[in-house]
């Protein structure tokens, strides 16, 4: 089967690529991730995705769209729904591209991460499949979580430490950094207050 595999990043796509190839499928990867911010992070992850595809001799289609403005406009005052919007936008684009390319099905490396809402991804991928009349190839790639991590480290592929958007970066680092800097400022007798 010819499958278009959406790549959220290089590391998360390794195990899905290995698995789908072992099952005998022909894979083309597709990088469309308007949710990755800031811009330097976006290009680091794009490069990682391309390097992984090249390592496995797979054609990689990159849709270079840094969608910060669109992403923020869609999510301001709707921050709690941002993940669903993010999943749906990327899966819809992947289904549309798979249909355009005449693929047999599409899938996503989002299904690899233990940090993502797996059931929401599956549900939104099925919705995209119906919308574009193309099968969604479901597989629970989380079983290869550690294998993917180990291989990405061996290949020296850039490994990010937050999901992608600026909201997730804040979730990941704000408390940690505020504690770190509060301690530093205390050491030099500077006045410090975290305003929320």
C-alpha atoms as a PDB file:
ATOM      1  CA  UNK A   1       0.000   0.000   0.000  1.00  0.00           C
ATOM      2  CA  UNK A   2       1.224   3.538  -0.759  1.00  0.00           C
ATOM      3  CA  UNK A   3       0.910   5.538   2.465  1.00  0.00           C
ATOM      4  CA  UNK A   4       1.481   9.228   3.054  1.00  0.00           C
ATOM      5  CA  UNK A   5       2.884   9.516   6.572  1.00  0.00           C
ATOM      6  CA  UNK A   6       2.499  12.880   8.238  1.00  0.00           C
ATOM      7  CA  UNK A   7       5.706  13.686  10.139  1.00  0.00           C
ATOM      8  CA  UNK A   8       5.289  15.831  13.241  1.00  0.00           C
ATOM      9  CA  UNK A   9       9.087  15.696  13.678  1.00  0.00           C
ATOM     10  CA  UNK A  10      12.052  13.461  12.905  1.00  0.00           C
ATOM     11  CA  UNK A  11      12.294  11.442  16.135  1.00  0.00           C
ATOM     12  CA  UNK A  12       8.584  10.617  16.293  1.00  0.00           C
ATOM     13  CA  UNK A  13       8.554   9.385  12.696  1.00  0.00           C
ATOM     14  CA  UNK A  14      11.344   6.807  13.050  1.00  0.00           C
ATOM     15  CA  UNK A  15       9.363   3.947  14.562  1.00  0.00           C
ATOM     16  CA  UNK A  16       6.324   4.508  12.301  1.00  0.00           C
ATOM     17  CA  UNK A  17       8.597   4.424   9.235  1.00  0.00           C
ATOM     18  CA  UNK A  18      10.332   1.229  10.383  1.00  0.00           C
ATOM     19  CA  UNK A  19       7.003  -0.431  11.196  1.00  0.00           C
ATOM     20  CA  UNK A  20       5.231   0.536   7.980  1.00  0.00           C
ATOM     21  CA  UNK A  21       8.209  -0.520   5.860  1.00  0.00           C
ATOM     22  CA  UNK A  22       8.376  -3.864   7.707  1.00  0.00           C
ATOM     23  CA  UNK A  23       4.698  -4.363   6.865  1.00  0.00           C
ATOM     24  CA  UNK A  24       5.596  -3.955   3.189  1.00  0.00           C
ATOM     25  CA  UNK A  25       4.150  -0.495   2.584  1.00  0.00           C
ATOM     26  CA  UNK A  26       5.650   2.174   0.359  1.00  0.00           C
ATOM     27  CA  UNK A  27       6.001   5.331   2.423  1.00  0.00           C
ATOM     28  CA  UNK A  28       6.186   8.977   1.458  1.00  0.00           C
ATOM     29  CA  UNK A  29       6.587  11.398   4.345  1.00  0.00           C
ATOM     30  CA  UNK A  30       4.833  14.750   4.581  1.00  0.00           C
ATOM     31  CA  UNK A  31       5.960  17.605   6.812  1.00  0.00           C
ATOM     32  CA  UNK A  32       3.211  20.139   7.490  1.00  0.00           C
ATOM     33  CA  UNK A  33       3.322  21.605  10.980  1.00  0.00           C
ATOM     34  CA  UNK A  34       2.023  25.147  11.315  1.00  0.00           C
ATOM     35  CA  UNK A  35       1.975  24.642  15.077  1.00  0.00           C
ATOM     36  CA  UNK A  36       5.727  24.708  15.718  1.00  0.00           C
ATOM     37  CA  UNK A  37       7.027  27.948  17.220  1.00  0.00           C
ATOM     38  CA  UNK A  38       9.241  29.929  17.313  1.00  0.00           C
ATOM     39  CA  UNK A  39      10.630  29.997  13.790  1.00  0.00           C
ATOM     40  CA  UNK A  40      14.094  28.621  14.676  1.00  0.00           C
ATOM     41  CA  UNK A  41      12.450  25.637  16.366  1.00  0.00           C
ATOM     42  CA  UNK A  42      10.264  25.126  13.297  1.00  0.00           C
ATOM     43  CA  UNK A  43      13.276  24.833  11.004  1.00  0.00           C
ATOM     44  CA  UNK A  44      15.189  22.561  13.395  1.00  0.00           C
ATOM     45  CA  UNK A  45      12.275  20.133  13.421  1.00  0.00           C
ATOM     46  CA  UNK A  46      11.814  20.368   9.672  1.00  0.00           C
ATOM     47  CA  UNK A  47      15.487  19.523   9.177  1.00  0.00           C
ATOM     48  CA  UNK A  48      15.157  16.548  11.546  1.00  0.00           C
ATOM     49  CA  UNK A  49      12.172  15.220   9.610  1.00  0.00           C
ATOM     50  CA  UNK A  50      14.007  15.521   6.297  1.00  0.00           C
ATOM     51  CA  UNK A  51      17.133  13.826   7.700  1.00  0.00           C
ATOM     52  CA  UNK A  52      15.100  10.879   9.016  1.00  0.00           C
ATOM     53  CA  UNK A  53      13.353  10.465   5.659  1.00  0.00           C
ATOM     54  CA  UNK A  54      16.677  10.572   3.854  1.00  0.00           C
ATOM     55  CA  UNK A  55      18.170   8.033   6.271  1.00  0.00           C
ATOM     56  CA  UNK A  56      15.386   5.574   5.390  1.00  0.00           C
ATOM     57  CA  UNK A  57      15.507   6.404   1.645  1.00  0.00           C
ATOM     58  CA  UNK A  58      12.001   7.844   1.629  1.00  0.00           C
ATOM     59  CA  UNK A  59      10.698  10.724  -0.435  1.00  0.00           C
ATOM     60  CA  UNK A  60       9.846  13.619   1.872  1.00  0.00           C
ATOM     61  CA  UNK A  61       7.377  16.307   0.884  1.00  0.00           C
ATOM     62  CA  UNK A  62       7.865  19.503   2.863  1.00  0.00           C
ATOM     63  CA  UNK A  63       5.101  22.063   2.935  1.00  0.00           C
ATOM     64  CA  UNK A  64       7.093  24.958   4.330  1.00  0.00           C
ATOM     65  CA  UNK A  65       4.425  26.981   6.101  1.00  0.00           C
ATOM     66  CA  UNK A  66       5.305  28.737   9.317  1.00  0.00           C
ATOM     67  CA  UNK A  67       1.768  29.466  10.470  1.00  0.00           C
ATOM     68  CA  UNK A  68       2.259  31.441  13.671  1.00  0.00           C
ATOM     69  CA  UNK A  69      -0.284  34.169  12.837  1.00  0.00           C
ATOM     70  CA  UNK A  70      -2.964  31.712  11.697  1.00  0.00           C
ATOM     71  CA  UNK A  71      -2.346  29.489  14.710  1.00  0.00           C
ATOM     72  CA  UNK A  72      -2.652  32.361  17.181  1.00  0.00           C
ATOM     73  CA  UNK A  73      -5.770  33.779  15.530  1.00  0.00           C
ATOM     74  CA  UNK A  74      -7.464  30.387  15.760  1.00  0.00           C
ATOM     75  CA  UNK A  75      -6.517  29.807  19.382  1.00  0.00           C
ATOM     76  CA  UNK A  76      -6.668  33.137  21.206  1.00  0.00           C
ATOM     77  CA  UNK A  77      -9.457  32.830  23.785  1.00  0.00           C
ATOM     78  CA  UNK A  78      -9.767  29.131  22.842  1.00  0.00           C
ATOM     79  CA  UNK A  79      -6.502  27.887  24.332  1.00  0.00           C
ATOM     80  CA  UNK A  80      -8.068  24.794  25.906  1.00  0.00           C
ATOM     81  CA  UNK A  81      -9.146  23.560  22.455  1.00  0.00           C
ATOM     82  CA  UNK A  82      -5.807  24.295  20.802  1.00  0.00           C
ATOM     83  CA  UNK A  83      -4.631  20.674  20.619  1.00  0.00           C
ATOM     84  CA  UNK A  84      -7.779  19.501  18.832  1.00  0.00           C
ATOM     85  CA  UNK A  85      -7.468  22.383  16.351  1.00  0.00           C
ATOM     86  CA  UNK A  86      -3.806  21.572  15.827  1.00  0.00           C
ATOM     87  CA  UNK A  87      -4.401  17.857  15.228  1.00  0.00           C
ATOM     88  CA  UNK A  88      -7.337  18.472  12.928  1.00  0.00           C
ATOM     89  CA  UNK A  89      -5.586  21.073  10.765  1.00  0.00           C
ATOM     90  CA  UNK A  90      -2.559  18.853  10.188  1.00  0.00           C
ATOM     91  CA  UNK A  91      -4.548  15.669   9.609  1.00  0.00           C
ATOM     92  CA  UNK A  92      -6.915  17.397   7.172  1.00  0.00           C
ATOM     93  CA  UNK A  93      -3.934  18.730   5.197  1.00  0.00           C
ATOM     94  CA  UNK A  94      -2.383  15.256   5.171  1.00  0.00           C
ATOM     95  CA  UNK A  95      -5.582  13.591   3.956  1.00  0.00           C
ATOM     96  CA  UNK A  96      -5.977  16.264   1.281  1.00  0.00           C
ATOM     97  CA  UNK A  97      -2.367  15.797   0.125  1.00  0.00           C
ATOM     98  CA  UNK A  98      -2.694  11.989   0.124  1.00  0.00           C
ATOM     99  CA  UNK A  99      -5.806  12.242  -2.055  1.00  0.00           C
ATOM    100  CA  UNK A 100      -4.094  14.725  -4.377  1.00  0.00           C
ATOM    101  CA  UNK A 101      -1.102  12.376  -4.778  1.00  0.00           C
ATOM    102  CA  UNK A 102      -3.261   9.302  -5.431  1.00  0.00           C
ATOM    103  CA  UNK A 103      -2.071   7.503  -2.303  1.00  0.00           C
ATOM    104  CA  UNK A 104      -3.887   4.453  -0.947  1.00  0.00           C
ATOM    105  CA  UNK A 105      -4.040   5.822   2.612  1.00  0.00           C
ATOM    106  CA  UNK A 106      -2.528   8.256   5.083  1.00  0.00           C
ATOM    107  CA  UNK A 107      -1.244   8.012   8.636  1.00  0.00           C
ATOM    108  CA  UNK A 108       0.635  10.172  11.146  1.00  0.00           C
ATOM    109  CA  UNK A 109       3.620   9.975  13.447  1.00  0.00           C
ATOM    110  CA  UNK A 110       1.429  11.727  16.031  1.00  0.00           C
ATOM    111  CA  UNK A 111       0.245   8.185  16.834  1.00  0.00           C
ATOM    112  CA  UNK A 112       3.734   7.376  18.167  1.00  0.00           C
ATOM    113  CA  UNK A 113       3.900   9.849  21.018  1.00  0.00           C
ATOM    114  CA  UNK A 114       2.842   8.882  24.514  1.00  0.00           C
ATOM    115  CA  UNK A 115       2.476  12.610  25.211  1.00  0.00           C
ATOM    116  CA  UNK A 116      -0.355  13.172  22.713  1.00  0.00           C
ATOM    117  CA  UNK A 117      -4.091  12.517  22.998  1.00  0.00           C
ATOM    118  CA  UNK A 118      -4.101   9.292  20.998  1.00  0.00           C
ATOM    119  CA  UNK A 119      -7.876   8.829  20.832  1.00  0.00           C
ATOM    120  CA  UNK A 120      -8.464  12.424  19.719  1.00  0.00           C
ATOM    121  CA  UNK A 121      -5.875  11.980  16.953  1.00  0.00           C
ATOM    122  CA  UNK A 122      -7.507   8.757  15.797  1.00  0.00           C
ATOM    123  CA  UNK A 123     -10.983  10.311  15.823  1.00  0.00           C
ATOM    124  CA  UNK A 124      -9.861  13.415  13.917  1.00  0.00           C
ATOM    125  CA  UNK A 125      -7.938  11.311  11.392  1.00  0.00           C
ATOM    126  CA  UNK A 126     -11.100   9.282  10.722  1.00  0.00           C
ATOM    127  CA  UNK A 127     -12.957  12.570  10.218  1.00  0.00           C
ATOM    128  CA  UNK A 128     -10.293  13.706   7.722  1.00  0.00           C
ATOM    129  CA  UNK A 129     -10.524  10.340   5.940  1.00  0.00           C
ATOM    130  CA  UNK A 130     -14.263  10.816   5.431  1.00  0.00           C
ATOM    131  CA  UNK A 131     -13.850  14.441   4.393  1.00  0.00           C
ATOM    132  CA  UNK A 132     -11.356  13.562   1.647  1.00  0.00           C
ATOM    133  CA  UNK A 133     -12.592  10.055   0.856  1.00  0.00           C
ATOM    134  CA  UNK A 134      -9.270   8.365   1.505  1.00  0.00           C
ATOM    135  CA  UNK A 135      -8.535   5.615   4.046  1.00  0.00           C
ATOM    136  CA  UNK A 136      -6.781   6.415   7.299  1.00  0.00           C
ATOM    137  CA  UNK A 137      -4.221   3.737   8.176  1.00  0.00           C
ATOM    138  CA  UNK A 138      -4.368   3.310  11.923  1.00  0.00           C
ATOM    139  CA  UNK A 139      -1.574   1.750  13.947  1.00  0.00           C
ATOM    140  CA  UNK A 140      -0.669   2.276  17.587  1.00  0.00           C
ATOM    141  CA  UNK A 141       3.020   3.117  17.224  1.00  0.00           C
ATOM    142  CA  UNK A 142       3.440   3.825  20.961  1.00  0.00           C
ATOM    143  CA  UNK A 143       4.692   0.257  21.425  1.00  0.00           C
ATOM    144  CA  UNK A 144       7.993   1.397  19.876  1.00  0.00           C
ATOM    145  CA  UNK A 145       8.414   4.472  22.082  1.00  0.00           C
ATOM    146  CA  UNK A 146      11.825   3.575  23.511  1.00  0.00           C
ATOM    147  CA  UNK A 147      13.128   2.104  20.256  1.00  0.00           C
ATOM    148  CA  UNK A 148      12.356   5.351  18.446  1.00  0.00           C
ATOM    149  CA  UNK A 149      14.077   7.381  21.156  1.00  0.00           C
ATOM    150  CA  UNK A 150      17.189   5.193  21.055  1.00  0.00           C
ATOM    151  CA  UNK A 151      17.460   5.305  17.263  1.00  0.00           C
ATOM    152  CA  UNK A 152      16.950   9.079  17.119  1.00  0.00           C
ATOM    153  CA  UNK A 153      19.778   9.528  19.631  1.00  0.00           C
ATOM    154  CA  UNK A 154      22.067   7.202  17.665  1.00  0.00           C
ATOM    155  CA  UNK A 155      21.296   9.143  14.469  1.00  0.00           C
ATOM    156  CA  UNK A 156      21.868  12.421  16.345  1.00  0.00           C
ATOM    157  CA  UNK A 157      18.530  13.807  15.173  1.00  0.00           C
ATOM    158  CA  UNK A 158      17.418  16.984  16.925  1.00  0.00           C
ATOM    159  CA  UNK A 159      15.128  16.065  19.830  1.00  0.00           C
ATOM    160  CA  UNK A 160      12.743  18.743  21.027  1.00  0.00           C
ATOM    161  CA  UNK A 161      11.594  19.092  24.614  1.00  0.00           C
ATOM    162  CA  UNK A 162       8.082  20.504  24.154  1.00  0.00           C
ATOM    163  CA  UNK A 163       5.198  19.684  21.843  1.00  0.00           C
ATOM    164  CA  UNK A 164       5.487  22.579  19.430  1.00  0.00           C
ATOM    165  CA  UNK A 165       3.374  25.668  19.962  1.00  0.00           C
ATOM    166  CA  UNK A 166       4.262  28.588  22.191  1.00  0.00           C
ATOM    167  CA  UNK A 167       1.532  27.553  24.617  1.00  0.00           C
ATOM    168  CA  UNK A 168       3.124  24.132  25.070  1.00  0.00           C
ATOM    169  CA  UNK A 169       6.528  25.756  25.491  1.00  0.00           C
ATOM    170  CA  UNK A 170       5.081  27.858  28.313  1.00  0.00           C
ATOM    171  CA  UNK A 171       3.471  24.768  29.888  1.00  0.00           C
ATOM    172  CA  UNK A 172       6.799  22.962  29.776  1.00  0.00           C
ATOM    173  CA  UNK A 173       9.163  25.679  31.017  1.00  0.00           C
ATOM    174  CA  UNK A 174       7.481  28.581  32.833  1.00  0.00           C
ATOM    175  CA  UNK A 175       7.434  27.195  36.380  1.00  0.00           C
ATOM    176  CA  UNK A 176      10.866  25.608  36.022  1.00  0.00           C
ATOM    177  CA  UNK A 177      12.478  28.810  34.740  1.00  0.00           C
ATOM    178  CA  UNK A 178      10.707  31.121  37.172  1.00  0.00           C
ATOM    179  CA  UNK A 179      12.019  29.038  40.094  1.00  0.00           C
ATOM    180  CA  UNK A 180      15.523  29.055  38.623  1.00  0.00           C
ATOM    181  CA  UNK A 181      15.583  32.821  38.138  1.00  0.00           C
ATOM    182  CA  UNK A 182      13.917  33.551  41.483  1.00  0.00           C
ATOM    183  CA  UNK A 183      16.791  31.714  43.162  1.00  0.00           C
ATOM    184  CA  UNK A 184      19.412  33.579  41.098  1.00  0.00           C
ATOM    185  CA  UNK A 185      17.900  36.964  41.900  1.00  0.00           C
ATOM    186  CA  UNK A 186      17.670  36.064  45.571  1.00  0.00           C
ATOM    187  CA  UNK A 187      21.398  35.285  45.559  1.00  0.00           C
ATOM    188  CA  UNK A 188      22.204  38.804  44.339  1.00  0.00           C
ATOM    189  CA  UNK A 189      19.572  40.471  46.528  1.00  0.00           C
ATOM    190  CA  UNK A 190      17.487  41.582  43.563  1.00  0.00           C
ATOM    191  CA  UNK A 191      13.772  42.052  43.901  1.00  0.00           C
ATOM    192  CA  UNK A 192      11.871  39.388  41.950  1.00  0.00           C
ATOM    193  CA  UNK A 193       8.185  38.620  41.622  1.00  0.00           C
ATOM    194  CA  UNK A 194       6.508  36.326  39.090  1.00  0.00           C
ATOM    195  CA  UNK A 195       3.324  38.025  37.903  1.00  0.00           C
ATOM    196  CA  UNK A 196       0.629  35.708  36.576  1.00  0.00           C
END
